[in-house]
């Protein structure tokens, strides 16, 4: 059962004003949704563990397929642009390894908790990512333990690619790990290069990237027989110039990965959040245009409104789990510290994403409780806002998937908003999707705001008034 909508989500706002509020707040109006949980979705927060457990079971009782994300909250070094849950633990290397091994033990117990609660042995995985953080920080044997446990607890077909993330430093200096991953049936590997500008790398505390390491890492991928390699590139960082962007993308194309994923910097919740005002929307759009044209010229398939570019025909370039999540709204289960899980009408967060401390996560699991800190039973407007926001990662909304989940057409919920974007040629219909046009480069942040829940629209509008 969905929660009844709050008074905030019962409001209606002018499309033109909401659009402008998204443009004005471009650094937070994006696919990272919801915005400011305490104000926008707190009305749907469950108050007791009994409620949470019952909702977990009820919301997934009829779900036969889902995708799995296992979060590894460790990095050799924490980058200043990181918005994710990463443990900032110090101490000797031996102590860190003990903490990491203990964490994997907890993860395996969390698998068991969900197996008991959801009878997961009968549920089929259609995507499986081991992400972070930097999961390749772990010994290969710990990664293997996680994969083995997933196979015990779920149905994992052989045609589902397991995906993992690494850094240039680890991939260059630990070829034995890379080779071991392929033996474990990991088939997609992703590496964050971000930029090759040394000054910007220093500014964002990214100390493990260099041109030589990037080249050696790619060679190690090929030596291990990986044929699905992704490289991440960031733009919109303070101080980035077009010549920096050009030099970076030239280097990436020379490395010849199958996929390239472009990430616009999201400042919310990072150490560099104060840099947001230093980056204009015009600069970001010019950088995005340059990257798009460089990749298209180098025979990577992609469109101006999509993050991931691919050289493989009929392969969108994203991992299996992300593809299913974005297009079809497939429910996902995240395990680990600070992890987020989702069904069409629920959203939950594990202990302790904000404080980045392991103790409460550990205590919950040792008490044989699901380590959930917050769970929201969303109203229809809030659920739609989440679904559409995630859809915009690919820059379109799949109309059939929307109809399937919400029993009505997209137009029945957003008649005024769709009229606005069609009239201004910001979006268009194509086959079974509503798609951003090439004009998106200047207005994407305004367009996505139109499909937010009313409570989130109000938050953006209020920010405009305050400024």
Protein backbone atom coordinates (compact mmCIF):
# COMPACT_ATOMS: atom_id res chain seq x y z
CA UNK A 1 0.00 0.00 0.00
CA UNK A 2 1.24 3.46 -0.87
CA UNK A 3 1.23 6.17 1.74
CA UNK A 4 -1.40 8.88 1.37
CA UNK A 5 0.15 11.98 -0.14
CA UNK A 6 1.14 14.78 2.19
CA UNK A 7 -0.33 18.27 2.01
CA UNK A 8 2.89 19.40 0.31
CA UNK A 9 2.48 16.83 -2.44
CA UNK A 10 -1.12 17.87 -3.04
CA UNK A 11 -0.08 21.29 -4.33
CA UNK A 12 0.14 22.37 -7.96
CA UNK A 13 2.79 24.77 -9.26
CA UNK A 14 3.17 26.76 -12.44
CA UNK A 15 5.30 24.87 -14.97
CA UNK A 16 7.25 27.94 -16.12
CA UNK A 17 8.18 28.88 -12.54
CA UNK A 18 9.24 25.32 -11.67
CA UNK A 19 11.30 25.16 -14.85
CA UNK A 20 13.12 28.37 -13.94
CA UNK A 21 13.70 27.13 -10.38
CA UNK A 22 15.44 24.05 -11.79
CA UNK A 23 17.68 26.21 -13.97
CA UNK A 24 18.46 28.51 -11.04
CA UNK A 25 19.33 25.54 -8.79
CA UNK A 26 21.11 23.63 -11.55
CA UNK A 27 23.76 22.22 -9.19
CA UNK A 28 21.14 20.19 -7.26
CA UNK A 29 18.35 19.75 -9.82
CA UNK A 30 19.45 16.45 -11.38
CA UNK A 31 18.96 12.69 -11.12
CA UNK A 32 20.03 12.57 -7.44
CA UNK A 33 16.55 12.39 -5.96
CA UNK A 34 14.91 13.25 -3.62
CA UNK A 35 16.41 16.56 -2.56
CA UNK A 36 16.48 17.41 1.16
CA UNK A 37 14.73 14.34 2.56
CA UNK A 38 13.88 16.03 5.86
CA UNK A 39 11.65 18.58 4.14
CA UNK A 40 10.40 16.75 1.07
CA UNK A 41 9.65 13.11 1.97
CA UNK A 42 9.78 13.00 5.77
CA UNK A 43 5.99 12.60 5.88
CA UNK A 44 6.43 9.09 4.46
CA UNK A 45 9.12 7.89 6.88
CA UNK A 46 8.26 4.73 8.82
CA UNK A 47 8.69 5.10 12.55
CA UNK A 48 9.38 1.58 13.88
CA UNK A 49 11.41 -1.49 12.94
CA UNK A 50 8.27 -3.62 12.91
CA UNK A 51 6.76 -1.31 10.28
CA UNK A 52 9.98 -1.38 8.29
CA UNK A 53 10.27 -5.18 8.31
CA UNK A 54 6.63 -5.63 7.34
CA UNK A 55 6.99 -3.13 4.48
CA UNK A 56 10.21 -4.76 3.24
CA UNK A 57 8.41 -8.10 3.01
CA UNK A 58 5.18 -6.73 1.55
CA UNK A 59 6.83 -4.53 -1.07
CA UNK A 60 8.89 -7.41 -2.47
CA UNK A 61 6.54 -10.34 -1.97
CA UNK A 62 5.44 -10.43 -5.62
CA UNK A 63 8.80 -9.40 -7.11
CA UNK A 64 10.57 -12.26 -8.87
CA UNK A 65 13.42 -10.30 -10.48
CA UNK A 66 15.62 -7.57 -9.11
CA UNK A 67 19.11 -6.28 -9.35
CA UNK A 68 21.74 -6.37 -6.67
CA UNK A 69 24.28 -3.74 -5.66
CA UNK A 70 26.88 -4.49 -3.00
CA UNK A 71 28.50 -1.41 -1.51
CA UNK A 72 32.16 -1.48 -0.44
CA UNK A 73 32.83 1.70 1.59
CA UNK A 74 36.62 1.71 1.39
CA UNK A 75 39.09 3.70 -0.69
CA UNK A 76 42.84 4.06 -0.58
CA UNK A 77 42.17 7.79 -0.59
CA UNK A 78 38.94 9.79 -0.40
CA UNK A 79 38.45 12.21 -3.28
CA UNK A 80 36.94 15.60 -2.45
CA UNK A 81 34.20 15.26 -5.07
CA UNK A 82 32.89 11.99 -3.63
CA UNK A 83 29.27 12.04 -2.44
CA UNK A 84 29.11 8.37 -1.49
CA UNK A 85 29.46 6.50 1.78
CA UNK A 86 33.16 5.88 2.30
CA UNK A 87 34.73 5.03 5.65
CA UNK A 88 37.46 7.49 6.47
CA UNK A 89 39.41 5.15 8.72
CA UNK A 90 43.08 5.58 9.42
CA UNK A 91 45.61 3.37 11.12
CA UNK A 92 48.13 0.82 9.92
CA UNK A 93 47.54 -1.22 6.79
CA UNK A 94 47.08 -4.39 8.82
CA UNK A 95 44.33 -2.75 10.90
CA UNK A 96 42.57 -1.51 7.77
CA UNK A 97 42.65 -5.01 6.27
CA UNK A 98 41.11 -6.43 9.45
CA UNK A 99 38.32 -3.82 9.28
CA UNK A 100 37.71 -4.64 5.61
CA UNK A 101 37.59 -8.38 6.24
CA UNK A 102 35.20 -7.87 9.17
CA UNK A 103 33.02 -5.71 6.96
CA UNK A 104 32.75 -8.47 4.36
CA UNK A 105 31.72 -10.85 7.16
CA UNK A 106 28.90 -8.43 8.02
CA UNK A 107 27.89 -8.20 4.36
CA UNK A 108 27.54 -11.97 4.15
CA UNK A 109 25.31 -11.93 7.23
CA UNK A 110 23.19 -9.20 5.62
CA UNK A 111 22.73 -11.52 2.64
CA UNK A 112 21.41 -14.15 5.07
CA UNK A 113 19.04 -11.64 6.69
CA UNK A 114 17.42 -10.83 3.36
CA UNK A 115 17.31 -14.49 2.38
CA UNK A 116 15.30 -15.19 5.52
CA UNK A 117 13.04 -12.14 5.11
CA UNK A 118 12.40 -12.44 1.36
CA UNK A 119 13.07 -16.05 0.41
CA UNK A 120 15.64 -14.76 -2.07
CA UNK A 121 16.60 -18.24 -3.34
CA UNK A 122 13.54 -17.93 -5.62
CA UNK A 123 14.40 -14.45 -6.91
CA UNK A 124 16.44 -13.95 -10.08
CA UNK A 125 19.14 -11.31 -10.42
CA UNK A 126 19.14 -9.42 -13.71
CA UNK A 127 22.09 -7.26 -12.73
CA UNK A 128 24.85 -7.40 -10.11
CA UNK A 129 27.30 -4.61 -9.36
CA UNK A 130 30.05 -4.50 -6.75
CA UNK A 131 30.63 -0.80 -6.31
CA UNK A 132 31.87 1.70 -3.78
CA UNK A 133 33.98 3.32 -2.65
CA UNK A 134 36.58 1.22 -4.35
CA UNK A 135 35.76 -2.51 -4.14
CA UNK A 136 39.10 -3.43 -5.67
CA UNK A 137 40.71 -2.25 -2.42
CA UNK A 138 39.59 -5.60 -1.02
CA UNK A 139 41.70 -8.73 -1.50
CA UNK A 140 40.44 -10.73 -4.46
CA UNK A 141 39.48 -13.53 -2.07
CA UNK A 142 36.97 -11.22 -0.33
CA UNK A 143 35.41 -10.25 -3.65
CA UNK A 144 35.09 -13.96 -4.43
CA UNK A 145 33.37 -14.53 -1.08
CA UNK A 146 30.76 -11.92 -2.00
CA UNK A 147 30.09 -13.43 -5.43
CA UNK A 148 29.86 -16.94 -4.02
CA UNK A 149 27.36 -15.75 -1.41
CA UNK A 150 25.24 -14.03 -4.06
CA UNK A 151 25.05 -17.29 -6.00
CA UNK A 152 23.96 -19.11 -2.86
CA UNK A 153 21.25 -16.61 -1.98
CA UNK A 154 19.83 -15.71 -5.41
CA UNK A 155 19.38 -17.19 -8.85
CA UNK A 156 22.25 -15.68 -10.85
CA UNK A 157 22.08 -16.58 -14.57
CA UNK A 158 25.38 -16.93 -16.41
CA UNK A 159 24.38 -14.31 -18.98
CA UNK A 160 24.18 -11.59 -16.32
CA UNK A 161 27.40 -9.61 -16.26
CA UNK A 162 28.88 -8.90 -12.85
CA UNK A 163 30.42 -5.43 -12.79
CA UNK A 164 33.16 -4.02 -10.55
CA UNK A 165 34.89 -0.69 -10.05
CA UNK A 166 38.58 0.07 -9.67
CA UNK A 167 41.11 2.91 -9.80
CA UNK A 168 44.05 3.49 -12.16
CA UNK A 169 46.50 2.87 -9.31
CA UNK A 170 45.08 -0.50 -8.26
CA UNK A 171 44.47 -1.67 -11.81
CA UNK A 172 48.00 -0.70 -12.86
CA UNK A 173 49.81 -2.10 -9.83
CA UNK A 174 47.75 -5.25 -9.12
CA UNK A 175 47.34 -7.15 -12.40
CA UNK A 176 46.76 -10.37 -10.45
CA UNK A 177 43.53 -8.89 -9.02
CA UNK A 178 42.29 -7.94 -12.46
CA UNK A 179 42.98 -11.45 -13.77
CA UNK A 180 41.23 -13.00 -10.75
CA UNK A 181 38.10 -10.93 -11.37
CA UNK A 182 37.67 -12.39 -14.84
CA UNK A 183 37.97 -15.93 -13.46
CA UNK A 184 35.16 -15.06 -11.00
CA UNK A 185 32.89 -14.27 -13.98
CA UNK A 186 33.16 -10.50 -13.58
CA UNK A 187 32.82 -9.23 -17.14
CA UNK A 188 32.49 -5.46 -16.89
CA UNK A 189 35.14 -3.34 -15.22
CA UNK A 190 34.98 0.40 -14.66
CA UNK A 191 37.80 2.81 -13.85
CA UNK A 192 37.58 6.47 -12.89
CA UNK A 193 40.09 8.64 -14.72
CA UNK A 194 38.00 11.84 -14.34
CA UNK A 195 40.63 14.29 -15.66
CA UNK A 196 44.32 14.35 -16.56
CA UNK A 197 44.86 17.94 -15.39
CA UNK A 198 47.34 17.63 -12.51
CA UNK A 199 46.26 20.88 -10.84
CA UNK A 200 42.61 19.88 -10.78
CA UNK A 201 43.47 16.38 -9.57
CA UNK A 202 45.35 17.96 -6.67
CA UNK A 203 42.46 20.35 -5.99
CA UNK A 204 40.03 17.46 -5.57
CA UNK A 205 42.50 15.25 -3.64
CA UNK A 206 42.62 12.59 -6.34
CA UNK A 207 46.16 11.35 -5.89
CA UNK A 208 46.10 7.97 -7.62
CA UNK A 209 45.54 9.00 -11.24
CA UNK A 210 48.25 9.58 -13.84
CA UNK A 211 48.54 9.12 -17.60
CA UNK A 212 51.04 6.29 -17.24
CA UNK A 213 48.89 4.45 -14.69
CA UNK A 214 45.86 4.83 -16.94
CA UNK A 215 47.73 3.21 -19.82
CA UNK A 216 49.09 0.37 -17.71
CA UNK A 217 45.67 -0.28 -16.19
CA UNK A 218 44.08 -0.61 -19.61
CA UNK A 219 46.82 -2.98 -20.71
CA UNK A 220 46.16 -5.12 -17.62
CA UNK A 221 42.44 -5.21 -18.48
CA UNK A 222 43.24 -6.51 -21.95
CA UNK A 223 45.75 -9.04 -20.65
CA UNK A 224 43.00 -10.42 -18.40
CA UNK A 225 40.63 -10.73 -21.42
CA UNK A 226 38.21 -7.99 -20.37
CA UNK A 227 36.17 -6.84 -23.36
CA UNK A 228 33.79 -4.55 -21.50
CA UNK A 229 35.87 -1.73 -20.05
CA UNK A 230 34.40 1.59 -18.98
CA UNK A 231 36.22 4.80 -18.14
CA UNK A 232 34.62 7.62 -16.17
CA UNK A 233 35.27 11.27 -17.02
CA UNK A 234 34.13 14.24 -14.94
CA UNK A 235 33.29 17.72 -16.12
CA UNK A 236 31.95 20.80 -14.39
CA UNK A 237 34.72 20.87 -11.79
CA UNK A 238 35.84 24.28 -10.61
CA UNK A 239 38.82 25.45 -12.63
CA UNK A 240 38.22 23.12 -15.59
CA UNK A 241 38.76 24.77 -18.96
CA UNK A 242 37.77 23.54 -22.40
CA UNK A 243 41.40 22.73 -23.21
CA UNK A 244 41.53 20.51 -20.10
CA UNK A 245 38.40 18.69 -21.25
CA UNK A 246 39.82 18.24 -24.76
CA UNK A 247 43.14 16.87 -23.48
CA UNK A 248 41.36 14.41 -21.18
CA UNK A 249 38.96 13.06 -23.79
CA UNK A 250 41.80 12.72 -26.33
CA UNK A 251 43.66 10.60 -23.77
CA UNK A 252 40.57 8.47 -23.06
CA UNK A 253 39.94 7.82 -26.75
CA UNK A 254 43.58 6.76 -27.12
CA UNK A 255 43.04 4.20 -24.33
CA UNK A 256 40.25 2.72 -26.48
CA UNK A 257 37.74 1.49 -23.86
CA UNK A 258 34.44 -0.01 -25.00
CA UNK A 259 32.50 2.53 -22.95
CA UNK A 260 32.97 6.07 -21.71
CA UNK A 261 30.73 7.51 -19.01
CA UNK A 262 30.52 11.27 -18.51
CA UNK A 263 29.73 12.58 -15.05
CA UNK A 264 28.73 16.14 -14.47
CA UNK A 265 30.00 17.15 -11.03
CA UNK A 266 27.33 16.95 -8.35
CA UNK A 267 28.47 19.16 -5.49
CA UNK A 268 25.79 18.26 -2.93
CA UNK A 269 27.22 16.43 0.07
CA UNK A 270 30.87 16.72 -0.99
CA UNK A 271 33.96 18.42 0.39
CA UNK A 272 33.88 20.79 -2.57
CA UNK A 273 30.25 21.85 -2.25
CA UNK A 274 31.46 25.44 -1.84
CA UNK A 275 32.86 25.28 -5.39
CA UNK A 276 29.37 25.03 -6.90
CA UNK A 277 28.99 28.78 -7.32
CA UNK A 278 32.27 28.93 -9.24
CA UNK A 279 30.90 26.84 -12.10
CA UNK A 280 28.41 28.47 -14.47
CA UNK A 281 25.76 26.57 -16.38
CA UNK A 282 27.16 27.99 -19.62
CA UNK A 283 30.60 26.50 -18.88
CA UNK A 284 29.09 23.11 -18.07
CA UNK A 285 27.09 23.06 -21.30
CA UNK A 286 30.10 23.93 -23.44
CA UNK A 287 32.13 21.16 -21.81
CA UNK A 288 29.33 18.66 -22.36
CA UNK A 289 29.07 19.62 -26.03
CA UNK A 290 32.80 19.20 -26.53
CA UNK A 291 32.81 15.75 -24.93
CA UNK A 292 29.81 14.59 -26.96
CA UNK A 293 31.26 15.67 -30.29
CA UNK A 294 34.69 14.20 -29.52
CA UNK A 295 33.18 10.80 -28.67
CA UNK A 296 30.83 10.72 -31.65
CA UNK A 297 33.73 11.58 -33.94
CA UNK A 298 35.68 8.67 -32.42
CA UNK A 299 32.82 6.26 -33.28
CA UNK A 300 31.29 5.96 -29.85
CA UNK A 301 27.53 5.67 -30.07
CA UNK A 302 25.65 8.11 -27.92
CA UNK A 303 23.24 11.00 -27.94
CA UNK A 304 23.74 14.45 -26.39
CA UNK A 305 21.35 13.68 -23.55
CA UNK A 306 22.88 10.39 -22.33
CA UNK A 307 25.87 9.90 -20.03
CA UNK A 308 27.33 6.63 -21.31
CA UNK A 309 28.76 6.16 -24.80
CA UNK A 310 29.41 2.74 -26.29
CA UNK A 311 31.39 1.30 -29.18
CA UNK A 312 29.39 -1.95 -29.09
CA UNK A 313 26.27 -2.08 -31.25
CA UNK A 314 23.03 -2.61 -29.29
CA UNK A 315 24.88 -2.24 -25.99
CA UNK A 316 24.02 0.96 -24.07
CA UNK A 317 27.33 0.77 -22.22
CA UNK A 318 25.93 0.75 -18.71
CA UNK A 319 26.02 -2.29 -16.45
CA UNK A 320 23.07 -4.70 -16.60
CA UNK A 321 21.73 -3.47 -13.26
CA UNK A 322 21.82 0.22 -14.21
CA UNK A 323 20.20 -0.37 -17.59
CA UNK A 324 17.27 -2.20 -15.99
CA UNK A 325 16.98 0.33 -13.19
CA UNK A 326 16.91 3.39 -15.45
CA UNK A 327 14.65 2.21 -18.28
CA UNK A 328 12.23 -0.08 -16.51
CA UNK A 329 12.37 0.96 -12.86
CA UNK A 330 13.38 -2.56 -11.86
CA UNK A 331 13.48 -2.87 -8.04
CA UNK A 332 16.95 -3.00 -6.60
CA UNK A 333 18.48 -4.22 -3.39
CA UNK A 334 21.64 -2.60 -2.08
CA UNK A 335 23.64 -4.26 0.66
CA UNK A 336 26.25 -2.63 2.83
CA UNK A 337 26.90 0.48 4.87
CA UNK A 338 24.75 3.44 3.82
CA UNK A 339 23.21 1.49 0.92
CA UNK A 340 19.94 2.56 -0.72
CA UNK A 341 17.23 0.09 -1.77
CA UNK A 342 14.15 0.72 -3.89
CA UNK A 343 10.85 -0.63 -5.09
CA UNK A 344 8.33 1.40 -7.04
CA UNK A 345 6.73 2.69 -3.85
CA UNK A 346 9.45 2.32 -1.18
CA UNK A 347 12.85 3.85 -0.62
CA UNK A 348 15.20 2.81 2.18
CA UNK A 349 18.68 3.60 3.46
CA UNK A 350 21.04 1.45 5.49
CA UNK A 351 22.92 2.59 8.57
CA UNK A 352 24.83 5.18 8.56
CA UNK A 353 25.20 7.00 5.27
CA UNK A 354 25.61 10.45 6.80
CA UNK A 355 27.99 9.77 9.71
CA UNK A 356 29.99 7.17 7.76
CA UNK A 357 30.50 5.05 10.87
CA UNK A 358 30.40 1.27 10.90
CA UNK A 359 29.29 0.69 14.51
CA UNK A 360 25.49 1.01 14.07
CA UNK A 361 25.47 -1.09 10.88
CA UNK A 362 27.47 -3.75 12.72
CA UNK A 363 25.21 -3.67 15.78
CA UNK A 364 22.04 -4.12 13.73
CA UNK A 365 23.40 -7.15 11.90
CA UNK A 366 24.79 -8.72 15.06
CA UNK A 367 21.31 -8.26 16.60
CA UNK A 368 19.92 -10.13 13.55
CA UNK A 369 18.04 -7.06 12.28
CA UNK A 370 18.00 -5.60 8.79
CA UNK A 371 20.43 -2.64 9.09
CA UNK A 372 17.92 -0.05 7.87
CA UNK A 373 18.18 3.46 9.23
CA UNK A 374 15.35 5.07 7.26
CA UNK A 375 12.54 3.66 5.14
CA UNK A 376 9.92 5.65 3.27
CA UNK A 377 6.59 4.28 2.06
CA UNK A 378 6.12 6.78 -0.74
CA UNK A 379 2.95 8.45 -1.92
CA UNK A 380 2.09 8.32 -5.62
CA UNK A 381 3.61 11.77 -6.40
CA UNK A 382 6.80 10.94 -4.49
CA UNK A 383 7.11 7.53 -6.17
CA UNK A 384 6.59 9.03 -9.62
CA UNK A 385 9.18 11.70 -8.90
CA UNK A 386 11.76 9.05 -8.03
CA UNK A 387 10.98 6.89 -11.07
CA UNK A 388 11.16 9.78 -13.53
CA UNK A 389 14.30 11.27 -11.99
CA UNK A 390 16.16 7.98 -12.39
CA UNK A 391 14.84 7.69 -15.96
CA UNK A 392 16.55 10.95 -16.83
CA UNK A 393 19.92 9.29 -16.34
CA UNK A 394 19.34 8.11 -19.93
CA UNK A 395 17.52 11.40 -20.70
CA UNK A 396 14.19 9.86 -21.65
CA UNK A 397 11.07 8.45 -19.98
CA UNK A 398 9.88 5.04 -21.13
CA UNK A 399 6.13 5.51 -21.50
CA UNK A 400 5.25 1.81 -21.39
CA UNK A 401 7.25 1.25 -18.20
CA UNK A 402 5.60 4.28 -16.61
CA UNK A 403 2.13 3.03 -17.55
CA UNK A 404 2.91 -0.44 -16.16
CA UNK A 405 4.02 0.89 -12.78
CA UNK A 406 1.48 3.67 -12.24
CA UNK A 407 -1.57 2.33 -14.17
CA UNK A 408 -2.04 5.61 -16.02
CA UNK A 409 -0.20 7.43 -18.77
CA UNK A 410 2.53 9.97 -18.09
CA UNK A 411 0.31 12.60 -19.72
CA UNK A 412 -2.47 12.00 -17.20
CA UNK A 413 -0.17 13.08 -14.37
CA UNK A 414 1.85 15.79 -16.13
CA UNK A 415 -0.45 17.32 -18.76
CA UNK A 416 0.68 20.93 -18.15
CA UNK A 417 4.35 20.03 -17.81
CA UNK A 418 4.40 17.98 -21.01
CA UNK A 419 2.58 20.74 -22.91
CA UNK A 420 5.25 23.14 -21.70
CA UNK A 421 8.24 21.03 -22.79
CA UNK A 422 6.65 20.10 -26.14
CA UNK A 423 5.70 23.71 -26.89
CA UNK A 424 9.26 24.89 -26.18
CA UNK A 425 10.79 21.91 -28.03
CA UNK A 426 12.66 20.75 -24.92
CA UNK A 427 11.28 17.22 -25.33
CA UNK A 428 9.67 15.19 -28.10
CA UNK A 429 7.93 11.87 -28.56
CA UNK A 430 9.82 9.07 -30.28
CA UNK A 431 8.50 5.50 -30.46
CA UNK A 432 7.53 4.68 -26.85
CA UNK A 433 9.51 7.40 -25.07
CA UNK A 434 9.37 11.08 -24.21
CA UNK A 435 12.89 12.23 -25.01
CA UNK A 436 14.95 15.34 -24.41
CA UNK A 437 15.84 17.17 -27.61
CA UNK A 438 19.32 18.49 -28.41
CA UNK A 439 18.21 21.73 -26.78
CA UNK A 440 18.60 19.95 -23.42
CA UNK A 441 22.15 21.22 -22.97
CA UNK A 442 20.83 24.54 -21.75
CA UNK A 443 17.65 23.47 -20.01
CA UNK A 444 18.03 19.92 -18.65
CA UNK A 445 17.95 21.02 -15.01
CA UNK A 446 14.71 22.89 -15.59
CA UNK A 447 13.09 20.03 -17.47
CA UNK A 448 13.80 17.42 -14.81
CA UNK A 449 12.39 19.71 -12.09
CA UNK A 450 9.02 19.65 -13.88
CA UNK A 451 8.62 15.95 -13.06
CA UNK A 452 9.61 16.18 -9.40
CA UNK A 453 7.01 15.62 -6.68
CA UNK A 454 5.29 18.87 -5.61
CA UNK A 455 7.14 18.91 -2.28
CA UNK A 456 10.48 18.96 -4.10
CA UNK A 457 9.25 21.61 -6.53
CA UNK A 458 8.31 23.76 -3.56
CA UNK A 459 11.78 23.30 -2.07
CA UNK A 460 13.41 24.54 -5.30
CA UNK A 461 11.00 27.47 -5.55
CA UNK A 462 11.69 28.44 -1.94
CA UNK A 463 15.43 28.41 -2.61
CA UNK A 464 14.89 30.88 -5.43
CA UNK A 465 12.99 33.24 -3.12
CA UNK A 466 15.71 33.08 -0.47
CA UNK A 467 18.39 34.04 -2.98
